[in-house]
Amino acid sequence: MESVAGKVPVVLAVNKKDLVDEAAYRAEDIQAVANRIVCPHLMTSAKTGENVEVVFRALGARVAQRQLQIA
């Protein structure tokens, strides 16, 4: 993919924060993925709305920063 679009800004949004006790992945697994793709990660809940706006703001900030680096 990088060969087509270059490096694109990414924020890993992990949904179902409201069901953390039933999670299929551990926090360490999520951190490992975020480290591998070099991006921040946030636990979110579409049901409660928790951190949903924060994720979009974080992604927007990363896009803006990327654009400033290109310009």
N, C-alpha and C. Protein backbone atom coordinates (compact mmCIF):
# COMPACT_ATOMS: atom_id res chain seq x y z
N MET A 1 0.80 -1.19 0.00
CA MET A 1 0.00 0.00 0.00
C MET A 1 0.85 1.25 0.00
N GLU A 2 1.93 1.30 0.75
CA GLU A 2 2.78 2.49 0.78
C GLU A 2 3.28 2.85 -0.60
N SER A 3 3.48 1.86 -1.45
CA SER A 3 3.98 2.15 -2.79
C SER A 3 2.95 2.92 -3.61
N VAL A 4 1.69 2.83 -3.25
CA VAL A 4 0.62 3.52 -3.98
C VAL A 4 0.33 4.89 -3.37
N ALA A 5 0.12 4.93 -2.06
CA ALA A 5 -0.33 6.16 -1.40
C ALA A 5 0.73 6.84 -0.55
N GLY A 6 1.88 6.20 -0.38
CA GLY A 6 2.87 6.74 0.53
C GLY A 6 2.47 6.47 1.97
N LYS A 7 3.15 7.12 2.89
CA LYS A 7 2.80 6.94 4.30
C LYS A 7 1.60 7.82 4.61
N VAL A 8 0.56 7.20 5.10
CA VAL A 8 -0.66 7.94 5.43
C VAL A 8 -0.83 7.99 6.94
N PRO A 9 -1.39 9.08 7.45
CA PRO A 9 -1.62 9.18 8.90
C PRO A 9 -2.63 8.13 9.36
N VAL A 10 -2.34 7.52 10.50
CA VAL A 10 -3.21 6.47 11.04
C VAL A 10 -3.38 6.66 12.54
N VAL A 11 -4.58 6.43 13.01
CA VAL A 11 -4.88 6.32 14.44
C VAL A 11 -5.67 5.03 14.60
N LEU A 12 -5.22 4.16 15.47
CA LEU A 12 -5.88 2.88 15.69
C LEU A 12 -7.02 3.06 16.69
N ALA A 13 -8.25 2.89 16.22
CA ALA A 13 -9.43 3.01 17.08
C ALA A 13 -9.91 1.60 17.42
N VAL A 14 -9.86 1.26 18.68
CA VAL A 14 -10.26 -0.07 19.13
C VAL A 14 -11.65 0.06 19.76
N ASN A 15 -12.66 -0.46 19.10
CA ASN A 15 -14.04 -0.29 19.52
C ASN A 15 -14.43 -1.29 20.62
N LYS A 16 -15.58 -1.07 21.18
CA LYS A 16 -16.19 -1.91 22.21
C LYS A 16 -15.57 -1.70 23.59
N LYS A 17 -15.13 -0.46 23.87
CA LYS A 17 -14.57 -0.17 25.19
C LYS A 17 -15.57 -0.49 26.30
N ASP A 18 -16.86 -0.35 25.97
CA ASP A 18 -17.90 -0.63 26.96
C ASP A 18 -18.01 -2.12 27.27
N LEU A 19 -17.35 -2.97 26.48
CA LEU A 19 -17.37 -4.42 26.71
C LEU A 19 -15.97 -4.96 26.98
N VAL A 20 -15.16 -4.17 27.65
CA VAL A 20 -13.75 -4.53 27.87
C VAL A 20 -13.58 -5.88 28.56
N ASP A 21 -14.50 -6.25 29.41
CA ASP A 21 -14.40 -7.54 30.11
C ASP A 21 -14.59 -8.72 29.17
N GLU A 22 -15.19 -8.48 28.01
CA GLU A 22 -15.42 -9.54 27.03
C GLU A 22 -14.46 -9.47 25.85
N ALA A 23 -13.43 -8.67 25.98
CA ALA A 23 -12.51 -8.41 24.86
C ALA A 23 -11.78 -9.68 24.42
N ALA A 24 -11.59 -9.79 23.12
CA ALA A 24 -10.85 -10.91 22.55
C ALA A 24 -9.35 -10.63 22.54
N TYR A 25 -8.97 -9.35 22.70
CA TYR A 25 -7.56 -8.97 22.65
C TYR A 25 -7.18 -8.27 23.95
N ARG A 26 -5.96 -8.51 24.35
CA ARG A 26 -5.43 -7.87 25.56
C ARG A 26 -4.86 -6.51 25.20
N ALA A 27 -4.71 -5.66 26.20
CA ALA A 27 -4.12 -4.34 25.99
C ALA A 27 -2.73 -4.46 25.38
N GLU A 28 -1.99 -5.47 25.77
CA GLU A 28 -0.64 -5.68 25.25
C GLU A 28 -0.67 -5.99 23.75
N ASP A 29 -1.68 -6.74 23.31
CA ASP A 29 -1.83 -7.06 21.89
C ASP A 29 -2.09 -5.80 21.08
N ILE A 30 -2.97 -4.96 21.60
CA ILE A 30 -3.31 -3.72 20.91
C ILE A 30 -2.09 -2.81 20.85
N GLN A 31 -1.37 -2.70 21.95
CA GLN A 31 -0.16 -1.88 21.99
C GLN A 31 0.87 -2.40 20.98
N ALA A 32 1.00 -3.70 20.86
CA ALA A 32 1.95 -4.29 19.92
C ALA A 32 1.60 -3.92 18.47
N VAL A 33 0.33 -3.95 18.14
CA VAL A 33 -0.10 -3.57 16.79
C VAL A 33 0.19 -2.09 16.56
N ALA A 34 -0.17 -1.25 17.51
CA ALA A 34 0.09 0.19 17.38
C ALA A 34 1.58 0.46 17.23
N ASN A 35 2.40 -0.24 17.97
CA ASN A 35 3.85 -0.08 17.84
C ASN A 35 4.34 -0.51 16.47
N ARG A 36 3.79 -1.60 15.97
CA ARG A 36 4.22 -2.14 14.68
C ARG A 36 3.89 -1.19 13.53
N ILE A 37 2.72 -0.55 13.60
CA ILE A 37 2.35 0.36 12.51
C ILE A 37 2.64 1.83 12.87
N VAL A 38 3.28 2.03 14.02
CA VAL A 38 3.74 3.34 14.48
C VAL A 38 2.60 4.37 14.47
N CYS A 39 1.65 4.15 15.36
CA CYS A 39 0.53 5.08 15.47
C CYS A 39 -0.02 5.05 16.89
N PRO A 40 -0.71 6.12 17.27
CA PRO A 40 -1.38 6.10 18.57
C PRO A 40 -2.61 5.19 18.51
N HIS A 41 -3.06 4.78 19.67
CA HIS A 41 -4.29 3.98 19.71
C HIS A 41 -5.17 4.45 20.86
N LEU A 42 -6.46 4.31 20.65
CA LEU A 42 -7.44 4.71 21.66
C LEU A 42 -8.54 3.67 21.72
N MET A 43 -8.98 3.37 22.91
CA MET A 43 -10.15 2.52 23.09
C MET A 43 -11.37 3.41 22.91
N THR A 44 -12.34 2.94 22.13
CA THR A 44 -13.55 3.72 21.86
C THR A 44 -14.79 2.88 22.12
N SER A 45 -15.92 3.58 22.19
CA SER A 45 -17.20 2.91 22.29
C SER A 45 -18.19 3.64 21.39
N ALA A 46 -18.62 2.98 20.36
CA ALA A 46 -19.66 3.55 19.50
C ALA A 46 -20.97 3.64 20.27
N LYS A 47 -21.17 2.73 21.20
CA LYS A 47 -22.42 2.70 21.98
C LYS A 47 -22.54 3.93 22.87
N THR A 48 -21.47 4.27 23.59
CA THR A 48 -21.51 5.40 24.52
C THR A 48 -20.94 6.67 23.91
N GLY A 49 -20.19 6.52 22.81
CA GLY A 49 -19.55 7.67 22.17
C GLY A 49 -18.19 8.01 22.77
N GLU A 50 -17.77 7.25 23.77
CA GLU A 50 -16.51 7.54 24.44
C GLU A 50 -15.33 7.47 23.49
N ASN A 51 -14.55 8.52 23.46
CA ASN A 51 -13.31 8.67 22.68
C ASN A 51 -13.52 8.69 21.16
N VAL A 52 -14.75 8.64 20.69
CA VAL A 52 -14.97 8.66 19.24
C VAL A 52 -14.51 10.00 18.66
N GLU A 53 -14.93 11.10 19.25
CA GLU A 53 -14.50 12.41 18.76
C GLU A 53 -13.00 12.58 18.94
N VAL A 54 -12.47 12.08 20.03
CA VAL A 54 -11.03 12.18 20.29
C VAL A 54 -10.24 11.51 19.17
N VAL A 55 -10.69 10.34 18.72
CA VAL A 55 -10.01 9.63 17.64
C VAL A 55 -10.01 10.47 16.36
N PHE A 56 -11.17 11.04 16.02
CA PHE A 56 -11.24 11.85 14.80
C PHE A 56 -10.39 13.10 14.91
N ARG A 57 -10.35 13.70 16.08
CA ARG A 57 -9.49 14.88 16.27
C ARG A 57 -8.02 14.50 16.16
N ALA A 58 -7.65 13.37 16.74
CA ALA A 58 -6.26 12.91 16.67
C ALA A 58 -5.87 12.61 15.23
N LEU A 59 -6.76 11.98 14.49
CA LEU A 59 -6.47 11.70 13.09
C LEU A 59 -6.37 13.00 12.30
N GLY A 60 -7.27 13.93 12.54
CA GLY A 60 -7.21 15.22 11.86
C GLY A 60 -5.90 15.94 12.14
N ALA A 61 -5.44 15.90 13.37
CA ALA A 61 -4.17 16.53 13.73
C ALA A 61 -3.01 15.87 13.00
N ARG A 62 -3.04 14.55 12.88
CA ARG A 62 -1.97 13.84 12.17
C ARG A 62 -2.00 14.17 10.68
N VAL A 63 -3.19 14.29 10.10
CA VAL A 63 -3.31 14.66 8.69
C VAL A 63 -2.76 16.06 8.48
N ALA A 64 -3.15 16.99 9.34
CA ALA A 64 -2.67 18.38 9.22
C ALA A 64 -1.15 18.45 9.36
N GLN A 65 -0.62 17.72 10.31
CA GLN A 65 0.84 17.73 10.50
C GLN A 65 1.54 17.16 9.27
N ARG A 66 1.00 16.11 8.71
CA ARG A 66 1.57 15.50 7.50
C ARG A 66 1.55 16.50 6.34
N GLN A 67 0.44 17.21 6.20
CA GLN A 67 0.32 18.20 5.13
C GLN A 67 1.35 19.32 5.31
N LEU A 68 1.60 19.73 6.55
CA LEU A 68 2.60 20.77 6.81
C LEU A 68 4.00 20.29 6.46
N GLN A 69 4.27 19.01 6.67
CA GLN A 69 5.57 18.45 6.33
C GLN A 69 5.78 18.38 4.83
N ILE A 70 4.70 18.13 4.09
CA ILE A 70 4.78 18.02 2.64
C ILE A 70 4.96 19.39 2.01
N ALA A 71 4.25 20.39 2.56
CA ALA A 71 4.25 21.74 1.95
C ALA A 71 5.58 22.43 2.04
